[in-house]
Amino acid sequence: MGLNDRRFVESQYASSERLETRRSVWQPDPSGRTPQDVAIEALRARRPARVLEVGCGTGQLAERMVRELDAELVAVDLSPSMVEETRSRGVDAHVADVEQLPFADGEFDCAVAAWMLYHVPDLDRGLAELARVLRPAGRLVAITNGEEALADLWALVGAERTHTTFMGGNGEAALRRHFDDVARTDLRPHAVFPDRDAAARYIETLDRGDLAARLPEFDGPLVVSGAAIVFVADRSAA
């Protein structure tokens, strides 16, 4: 079952436990920046009045954007549970599908898609919708993973990294089909697993209990390299 299979996505985000287990292990890039830091810098550069976040999850990034950007924020997610969690943070959140956004053309100055475009069954349709709801000169900021993310962890269990429809190697080409200018920033965050059980739980959140069982015993914390890419895609002003 692929990462963009709707049944997989529904099971992954029916509640926040899996997402929080994965999120809890990540530490910043050696520069001290996180992908979220870079995303907010790219948004702030445009001084947006209205921002859309698609695939908002539990609303952590949405809450930060409300706090740090002088902009109206609207967040959407397919999961009613995620929408409720985001609303609990005081964010205007709604259940909606990125493939069919309930907004008029040109409603937003910027849009954000953080670690979610690889979950979209029809990626081109989702990107077309994001381009549609952005005004001319609008900006999409999309965060995703690189092919080498967690390579050390997957090597320990004898598995290769899963390739997705939107990651470091293919994300730019997908964006260029719908946007006029695309730039990228690569970061190297790292994950810290305090013990074997923590690493196994991380793998199990991906419905890969078979791989978690292969994880060897190890002493002390396990530190593995990540790879994150922040794409900034702009529409032309015309």
C-alpha atoms as a PDB file:
ATOM      1  CA  MET A   1       0.000   0.000   0.000  1.00  0.00           C
ATOM      2  CA  GLY A   2       1.565   3.291  -1.111  1.00  0.00           C
ATOM      3  CA  LEU A   3       1.832   6.503   0.886  1.00  0.00           C
ATOM      4  CA  ASN A   4      -0.766   8.068  -1.427  1.00  0.00           C
ATOM      5  CA  ASP A   5      -3.322   5.299  -0.937  1.00  0.00           C
ATOM      6  CA  ARG A   6      -6.368   6.848   0.726  1.00  0.00           C
ATOM      7  CA  ARG A   7      -6.855   3.863   3.040  1.00  0.00           C
ATOM      8  CA  PHE A   8      -3.300   4.225   4.311  1.00  0.00           C
ATOM      9  CA  VAL A   9      -3.699   7.980   4.792  1.00  0.00           C
ATOM     10  CA  GLU A  10      -6.988   7.561   6.642  1.00  0.00           C
ATOM     11  CA  SER A  11      -5.485   5.004   9.016  1.00  0.00           C
ATOM     12  CA  GLN A  12      -2.368   7.104   9.591  1.00  0.00           C
ATOM     13  CA  TYR A  13      -4.233  10.254  10.541  1.00  0.00           C
ATOM     14  CA  ALA A  14      -7.372   8.952  12.201  1.00  0.00           C
ATOM     15  CA  SER A  15      -5.770  10.221  15.421  1.00  0.00           C
ATOM     16  CA  SER A  16      -2.595  12.059  16.355  1.00  0.00           C
ATOM     17  CA  GLU A  17      -0.602   9.263  18.038  1.00  0.00           C
ATOM     18  CA  ARG A  18       1.369   8.067  15.018  1.00  0.00           C
ATOM     19  CA  LEU A  19       2.154  11.554  13.824  1.00  0.00           C
ATOM     20  CA  GLU A  20       3.324  12.683  17.259  1.00  0.00           C
ATOM     21  CA  THR A  21       5.514   9.581  17.655  1.00  0.00           C
ATOM     22  CA  ARG A  22       7.326  10.438  14.436  1.00  0.00           C
ATOM     23  CA  ARG A  23       7.495  14.162  15.079  1.00  0.00           C
ATOM     24  CA  SER A  24       8.930  13.789  18.596  1.00  0.00           C
ATOM     25  CA  VAL A  25      12.304  12.354  17.506  1.00  0.00           C
ATOM     26  CA  TRP A  26      13.361  15.104  15.079  1.00  0.00           C
ATOM     27  CA  GLN A  27      16.023  17.684  15.857  1.00  0.00           C
ATOM     28  CA  PRO A  28      17.146  20.719  13.799  1.00  0.00           C
ATOM     29  CA  ASP A  29      19.670  20.880  10.978  1.00  0.00           C
ATOM     30  CA  PRO A  30      23.319  21.505  12.030  1.00  0.00           C
ATOM     31  CA  SER A  31      22.662  25.166  11.160  1.00  0.00           C
ATOM     32  CA  GLY A  32      20.094  25.211  13.966  1.00  0.00           C
ATOM     33  CA  ARG A  33      17.171  25.636  11.560  1.00  0.00           C
ATOM     34  CA  THR A  34      14.193  23.367  11.059  1.00  0.00           C
ATOM     35  CA  PRO A  35      12.284  22.964   7.795  1.00  0.00           C
ATOM     36  CA  GLN A  36       9.446  24.874   9.456  1.00  0.00           C
ATOM     37  CA  ASP A  37      11.816  27.791  10.130  1.00  0.00           C
ATOM     38  CA  VAL A  38      12.775  27.935   6.455  1.00  0.00           C
ATOM     39  CA  ALA A  39       9.134  27.707   5.371  1.00  0.00           C
ATOM     40  CA  ILE A  40       8.093  30.608   7.568  1.00  0.00           C
ATOM     41  CA  GLU A  41      11.017  32.698   6.311  1.00  0.00           C
ATOM     42  CA  ALA A  42       9.804  32.109   2.730  1.00  0.00           C
ATOM     43  CA  LEU A  43       6.266  33.095   3.666  1.00  0.00           C
ATOM     44  CA  ARG A  44       7.324  36.190   5.601  1.00  0.00           C
ATOM     45  CA  ALA A  45       9.270  37.405   2.572  1.00  0.00           C
ATOM     46  CA  ARG A  46       5.975  37.778   0.678  1.00  0.00           C
ATOM     47  CA  ARG A  47       4.136  39.639   3.487  1.00  0.00           C
ATOM     48  CA  PRO A  48       0.956  37.629   2.843  1.00  0.00           C
ATOM     49  CA  ALA A  49      -2.453  38.840   3.970  1.00  0.00           C
ATOM     50  CA  ARG A  50      -4.081  35.423   3.634  1.00  0.00           C
ATOM     51  CA  VAL A  51      -2.437  31.983   3.898  1.00  0.00           C
ATOM     52  CA  LEU A  52      -3.805  28.478   3.271  1.00  0.00           C
ATOM     53  CA  GLU A  53      -2.297  25.362   4.839  1.00  0.00           C
ATOM     54  CA  VAL A  54      -3.301  22.024   3.322  1.00  0.00           C
ATOM     55  CA  GLY A  55      -2.794  18.831   5.320  1.00  0.00           C
ATOM     56  CA  CYS A  56      -2.500  20.735   8.601  1.00  0.00           C
ATOM     57  CA  GLY A  57      -2.251  17.660  10.859  1.00  0.00           C
ATOM     58  CA  THR A  58      -2.462  18.601  14.534  1.00  0.00           C
ATOM     59  CA  GLY A  59      -2.016  22.274  13.745  1.00  0.00           C
ATOM     60  CA  GLN A  60       1.433  22.917  15.227  1.00  0.00           C
ATOM     61  CA  LEU A  61       2.729  24.701  12.138  1.00  0.00           C
ATOM     62  CA  ALA A  62      -0.583  26.493  11.623  1.00  0.00           C
ATOM     63  CA  GLU A  63      -0.494  27.806  15.189  1.00  0.00           C
ATOM     64  CA  ARG A  64       3.064  29.027  14.689  1.00  0.00           C
ATOM     65  CA  MET A  65       2.139  30.791  11.442  1.00  0.00           C
ATOM     66  CA  VAL A  66      -0.740  32.564  13.175  1.00  0.00           C
ATOM     67  CA  ARG A  67       1.679  33.686  15.880  1.00  0.00           C
ATOM     68  CA  GLU A  68       4.564  34.773  13.623  1.00  0.00           C
ATOM     69  CA  LEU A  69       2.906  36.050  10.448  1.00  0.00           C
ATOM     70  CA  ASP A  70       0.644  39.064  10.302  1.00  0.00           C
ATOM     71  CA  ALA A  71      -1.817  37.145   8.143  1.00  0.00           C
ATOM     72  CA  GLU A  72      -5.198  35.437   8.198  1.00  0.00           C
ATOM     73  CA  LEU A  73      -4.692  31.664   8.163  1.00  0.00           C
ATOM     74  CA  VAL A  74      -7.083  28.974   6.943  1.00  0.00           C
ATOM     75  CA  ALA A  75      -6.137  25.309   7.458  1.00  0.00           C
ATOM     76  CA  VAL A  76      -7.629  22.185   5.890  1.00  0.00           C
ATOM     77  CA  ASP A  77      -7.151  18.456   6.340  1.00  0.00           C
ATOM     78  CA  LEU A  78      -8.960  15.314   5.223  1.00  0.00           C
ATOM     79  CA  SER A  79      -9.040  13.973   8.790  1.00  0.00           C
ATOM     80  CA  PRO A  80     -11.842  15.295  11.044  1.00  0.00           C
ATOM     81  CA  SER A  81      -9.686  14.393  14.043  1.00  0.00           C
ATOM     82  CA  MET A  82      -6.788  16.508  12.778  1.00  0.00           C
ATOM     83  CA  VAL A  83      -9.138  19.397  12.041  1.00  0.00           C
ATOM     84  CA  GLU A  84     -10.516  19.276  15.586  1.00  0.00           C
ATOM     85  CA  GLU A  85      -7.003  19.303  17.041  1.00  0.00           C
ATOM     86  CA  THR A  86      -6.078  22.262  14.862  1.00  0.00           C
ATOM     87  CA  ARG A  87      -9.217  24.136  15.880  1.00  0.00           C
ATOM     88  CA  SER A  88      -8.340  23.524  19.539  1.00  0.00           C
ATOM     89  CA  ARG A  89      -5.276  25.730  18.907  1.00  0.00           C
ATOM     90  CA  GLY A  90      -7.495  28.610  17.847  1.00  0.00           C
ATOM     91  CA  VAL A  91      -6.931  28.100  14.113  1.00  0.00           C
ATOM     92  CA  ASP A  92      -9.670  28.401  11.482  1.00  0.00           C
ATOM     93  CA  ALA A  93      -9.659  24.783  10.224  1.00  0.00           C
ATOM     94  CA  HIS A  94     -11.953  22.771   7.949  1.00  0.00           C
ATOM     95  CA  VAL A  95     -12.284  19.285   6.486  1.00  0.00           C
ATOM     96  CA  ALA A  96     -11.353  19.523   2.805  1.00  0.00           C
ATOM     97  CA  ASP A  97      -9.485  17.689   0.053  1.00  0.00           C
ATOM     98  CA  VAL A  98      -6.565  19.371  -1.715  1.00  0.00           C
ATOM     99  CA  GLU A  99      -7.765  17.785  -4.955  1.00  0.00           C
ATOM    100  CA  GLN A 100     -10.994  19.797  -4.714  1.00  0.00           C
ATOM    101  CA  LEU A 101     -10.451  22.879  -2.581  1.00  0.00           C
ATOM    102  CA  PRO A 102     -13.619  24.763  -1.563  1.00  0.00           C
ATOM    103  CA  PHE A 103     -12.179  28.179  -2.369  1.00  0.00           C
ATOM    104  CA  ALA A 104     -12.468  30.614  -5.248  1.00  0.00           C
ATOM    105  CA  ASP A 105      -9.689  31.385  -7.686  1.00  0.00           C
ATOM    106  CA  GLY A 106      -6.998  33.649  -6.276  1.00  0.00           C
ATOM    107  CA  GLU A 107      -8.236  33.697  -2.670  1.00  0.00           C
ATOM    108  CA  PHE A 108      -4.806  33.328  -1.050  1.00  0.00           C
ATOM    109  CA  ASP A 109      -1.437  35.031  -1.217  1.00  0.00           C
ATOM    110  CA  CYS A 110       0.471  31.945  -0.062  1.00  0.00           C
ATOM    111  CA  ALA A 111      -0.132  28.270   0.572  1.00  0.00           C
ATOM    112  CA  VAL A 112       1.752  25.697   2.632  1.00  0.00           C
ATOM    113  CA  ALA A 113       1.928  21.913   2.184  1.00  0.00           C
ATOM    114  CA  ALA A 114       4.193  20.339   4.810  1.00  0.00           C
ATOM    115  CA  TRP A 115       4.980  16.649   4.391  1.00  0.00           C
ATOM    116  CA  MET A 116       1.658  15.934   2.721  1.00  0.00           C
ATOM    117  CA  LEU A 117       1.919  16.133  -1.076  1.00  0.00           C
ATOM    118  CA  TYR A 118       3.250  12.546  -1.238  1.00  0.00           C
ATOM    119  CA  HIS A 119      -0.096  11.495   0.257  1.00  0.00           C
ATOM    120  CA  VAL A 120      -2.160  13.002  -2.600  1.00  0.00           C
ATOM    121  CA  PRO A 121      -3.511  10.308  -4.965  1.00  0.00           C
ATOM    122  CA  ASP A 122      -3.569  12.654  -7.982  1.00  0.00           C
ATOM    123  CA  LEU A 123      -0.592  14.927  -7.336  1.00  0.00           C
ATOM    124  CA  ASP A 124      -1.061  17.029 -10.473  1.00  0.00           C
ATOM    125  CA  ARG A 125      -4.681  17.685  -9.630  1.00  0.00           C
ATOM    126  CA  GLY A 126      -3.710  18.749  -6.105  1.00  0.00           C
ATOM    127  CA  LEU A 127      -0.979  21.076  -7.364  1.00  0.00           C
ATOM    128  CA  ALA A 128      -3.324  22.527  -9.966  1.00  0.00           C
ATOM    129  CA  GLU A 129      -5.836  23.293  -7.216  1.00  0.00           C
ATOM    130  CA  LEU A 130      -3.167  24.974  -5.103  1.00  0.00           C
ATOM    131  CA  ALA A 131      -2.083  27.093  -8.070  1.00  0.00           C
ATOM    132  CA  ARG A 132      -5.729  27.979  -8.779  1.00  0.00           C
ATOM    133  CA  VAL A 133      -6.497  29.334  -5.307  1.00  0.00           C
ATOM    134  CA  LEU A 134      -3.321  31.448  -5.287  1.00  0.00           C
ATOM    135  CA  ARG A 135      -3.411  34.960  -6.698  1.00  0.00           C
ATOM    136  CA  PRO A 136      -0.987  35.980  -9.474  1.00  0.00           C
ATOM    137  CA  ALA A 137       2.504  36.138  -7.917  1.00  0.00           C
ATOM    138  CA  GLY A 138       1.247  33.795  -5.198  1.00  0.00           C
ATOM    139  CA  ARG A 139       3.633  31.414  -3.469  1.00  0.00           C
ATOM    140  CA  LEU A 140       3.440  27.744  -2.452  1.00  0.00           C
ATOM    141  CA  VAL A 141       5.868  26.473   0.178  1.00  0.00           C
ATOM    142  CA  ALA A 142       6.095  22.671   0.194  1.00  0.00           C
ATOM    143  CA  ILE A 143       8.162  20.575   2.610  1.00  0.00           C
ATOM    144  CA  THR A 144       9.089  16.982   1.873  1.00  0.00           C
ATOM    145  CA  ASN A 145      11.779  14.358   2.475  1.00  0.00           C
ATOM    146  CA  GLY A 146      14.878  13.483   0.502  1.00  0.00           C
ATOM    147  CA  GLU A 147      15.597   9.992  -0.785  1.00  0.00           C
ATOM    148  CA  GLU A 148      18.387   9.506   1.764  1.00  0.00           C
ATOM    149  CA  ALA A 149      16.255  10.328   4.808  1.00  0.00           C
ATOM    150  CA  LEU A 150      16.743   7.788   7.624  1.00  0.00           C
ATOM    151  CA  ALA A 151      18.940   5.652   5.374  1.00  0.00           C
ATOM    152  CA  ASP A 152      20.890   4.402   8.415  1.00  0.00           C
ATOM    153  CA  LEU A 153      17.714   3.259  10.147  1.00  0.00           C
ATOM    154  CA  TRP A 154      16.416   1.408   7.090  1.00  0.00           C
ATOM    155  CA  ALA A 155      19.807  -0.235   6.619  1.00  0.00           C
ATOM    156  CA  LEU A 156      19.605  -1.636  10.156  1.00  0.00           C
ATOM    157  CA  VAL A 157      16.402  -3.500   9.259  1.00  0.00           C
ATOM    158  CA  GLY A 158      17.475  -4.450   5.736  1.00  0.00           C
ATOM    159  CA  ALA A 159      15.003  -2.222   3.937  1.00  0.00           C
ATOM    160  CA  GLU A 160      15.328   0.488   1.307  1.00  0.00           C
ATOM    161  CA  ARG A 161      13.779   3.920   1.692  1.00  0.00           C
ATOM    162  CA  THR A 162      10.316   4.090   0.158  1.00  0.00           C
ATOM    163  CA  HIS A 163      10.219   6.316  -2.911  1.00  0.00           C
ATOM    164  CA  THR A 164       7.198   8.566  -3.195  1.00  0.00           C
ATOM    165  CA  THR A 165       5.531  10.732  -5.827  1.00  0.00           C
ATOM    166  CA  PHE A 166       6.811  13.937  -4.210  1.00  0.00           C
ATOM    167  CA  MET A 167      10.288  14.020  -2.715  1.00  0.00           C
ATOM    168  CA  GLY A 168      13.713  15.505  -3.390  1.00  0.00           C
ATOM    169  CA  GLY A 169      14.301  13.914  -6.768  1.00  0.00           C
ATOM    170  CA  ASN A 170      10.920  14.462  -8.393  1.00  0.00           C
ATOM    171  CA  GLY A 171       9.316  17.321  -6.461  1.00  0.00           C
ATOM    172  CA  GLU A 172      10.747  20.160  -8.517  1.00  0.00           C
ATOM    173  CA  ALA A 173       9.582  18.679 -11.823  1.00  0.00           C
ATOM    174  CA  ALA A 174       6.070  18.221 -10.436  1.00  0.00           C
ATOM    175  CA  LEU A 175       5.944  21.814  -9.207  1.00  0.00           C
ATOM    176  CA  ARG A 176       7.242  23.222 -12.500  1.00  0.00           C
ATOM    177  CA  ARG A 177       4.226  21.781 -14.283  1.00  0.00           C
ATOM    178  CA  HIS A 178       2.053  24.268 -12.359  1.00  0.00           C
ATOM    179  CA  PHE A 179       4.301  27.104 -11.183  1.00  0.00           C
ATOM    180  CA  ASP A 180       6.600  29.491 -13.006  1.00  0.00           C
ATOM    181  CA  ASP A 181       9.585  29.552 -10.664  1.00  0.00           C
ATOM    182  CA  VAL A 182      10.794  26.897  -8.209  1.00  0.00           C
ATOM    183  CA  ALA A 183      13.645  27.082  -5.690  1.00  0.00           C
ATOM    184  CA  ARG A 184      14.740  24.590  -3.051  1.00  0.00           C
ATOM    185  CA  THR A 185      16.559  24.556   0.259  1.00  0.00           C
ATOM    186  CA  ASP A 186      18.069  21.307   1.514  1.00  0.00           C
ATOM    187  CA  LEU A 187      18.435  20.645   5.220  1.00  0.00           C
ATOM    188  CA  ARG A 188      19.873  17.776   7.249  1.00  0.00           C
ATOM    189  CA  PRO A 189      17.823  17.381  10.414  1.00  0.00           C
ATOM    190  CA  HIS A 190      18.490  14.296  12.507  1.00  0.00           C
ATOM    191  CA  ALA A 191      16.385  11.860  14.475  1.00  0.00           C
ATOM    192  CA  VAL A 192      17.342  10.725  17.970  1.00  0.00           C
ATOM    193  CA  PHE A 193      15.972   7.437  19.280  1.00  0.00           C
ATOM    194  CA  PRO A 194      16.783   7.004  22.993  1.00  0.00           C
ATOM    195  CA  ASP A 195      16.559   3.210  22.795  1.00  0.00           C
ATOM    196  CA  ARG A 196      15.552   0.313  20.576  1.00  0.00           C
ATOM    197  CA  ASP A 197      11.906   0.453  21.647  1.00  0.00           C
ATOM    198  CA  ALA A 198      11.615   4.072  20.516  1.00  0.00           C
ATOM    199  CA  ALA A 199      13.079   3.241  17.105  1.00  0.00           C
ATOM    200  CA  ALA A 200      10.788   0.240  16.762  1.00  0.00           C
ATOM    201  CA  ARG A 201       7.736   2.335  17.634  1.00  0.00           C
ATOM    202  CA  TYR A 202       8.698   4.833  14.940  1.00  0.00           C
ATOM    203  CA  ILE A 203       8.862   2.088  12.300  1.00  0.00           C
ATOM    204  CA  GLU A 204       5.600   0.549  13.531  1.00  0.00           C
ATOM    205  CA  THR A 205       3.761   3.845  12.986  1.00  0.00           C
ATOM    206  CA  LEU A 206       4.286   3.262   9.265  1.00  0.00           C
ATOM    207  CA  ASP A 207       2.427  -0.067   9.470  1.00  0.00           C
ATOM    208  CA  ARG A 208       5.754  -1.888   9.168  1.00  0.00           C
ATOM    209  CA  GLY A 209       5.782  -4.076  12.240  1.00  0.00           C
ATOM    210  CA  ASP A 210       7.639  -6.690  10.185  1.00  0.00           C
ATOM    211  CA  LEU A 211      10.575  -4.313   9.809  1.00  0.00           C
ATOM    212  CA  ALA A 212      10.436  -3.190  13.440  1.00  0.00           C
ATOM    213  CA  ALA A 213      10.908  -6.812  14.498  1.00  0.00           C
ATOM    214  CA  ARG A 214      14.199  -6.935  12.575  1.00  0.00           C
ATOM    215  CA  LEU A 215      15.720  -4.025  14.477  1.00  0.00           C
ATOM    216  CA  PRO A 216      18.818  -5.213  16.334  1.00  0.00           C
ATOM    217  CA  GLU A 217      19.505  -4.376  19.958  1.00  0.00           C
ATOM    218  CA  PHE A 218      21.711  -1.364  20.579  1.00  0.00           C
ATOM    219  CA  ASP A 219      23.050   0.495  23.589  1.00  0.00           C
ATOM    220  CA  GLY A 220      22.465   4.159  24.164  1.00  0.00           C
ATOM    221  CA  PRO A 221      20.737   6.588  21.825  1.00  0.00           C
ATOM    222  CA  LEU A 222      20.657   5.997  18.078  1.00  0.00           C
ATOM    223  CA  VAL A 223      21.175   9.129  15.976  1.00  0.00           C
ATOM    224  CA  VAL A 224      20.295   8.918  12.281  1.00  0.00           C
ATOM    225  CA  SER A 225      20.455  11.519   9.544  1.00  0.00           C
ATOM    226  CA  GLY A 226      17.391  12.917   7.893  1.00  0.00           C
ATOM    227  CA  ALA A 227      16.966  14.854   4.680  1.00  0.00           C
ATOM    228  CA  ALA A 228      14.360  17.554   4.244  1.00  0.00           C
ATOM    229  CA  ILE A 229      13.667  19.810   1.282  1.00  0.00           C
ATOM    230  CA  VAL A 230      11.730  23.063   1.348  1.00  0.00           C
ATOM    231  CA  PHE A 231      10.460  23.935  -2.115  1.00  0.00           C
ATOM    232  CA  VAL A 232       9.304  27.483  -2.827  1.00  0.00           C
ATOM    233  CA  ALA A 233       7.134  27.665  -5.946  1.00  0.00           C
ATOM    234  CA  ASP A 234       5.887  30.998  -7.295  1.00  0.00           C
ATOM    235  CA  ARG A 235       3.231  31.909  -9.804  1.00  0.00           C
ATOM    236  CA  SER A 236       4.014  34.650 -12.264  1.00  0.00           C
ATOM    237  CA  ALA A 237       2.530  38.098 -11.702  1.00  0.00           C
ATOM    238  CA  ALA A 238       0.815  38.063 -15.093  1.00  0.00           C
END
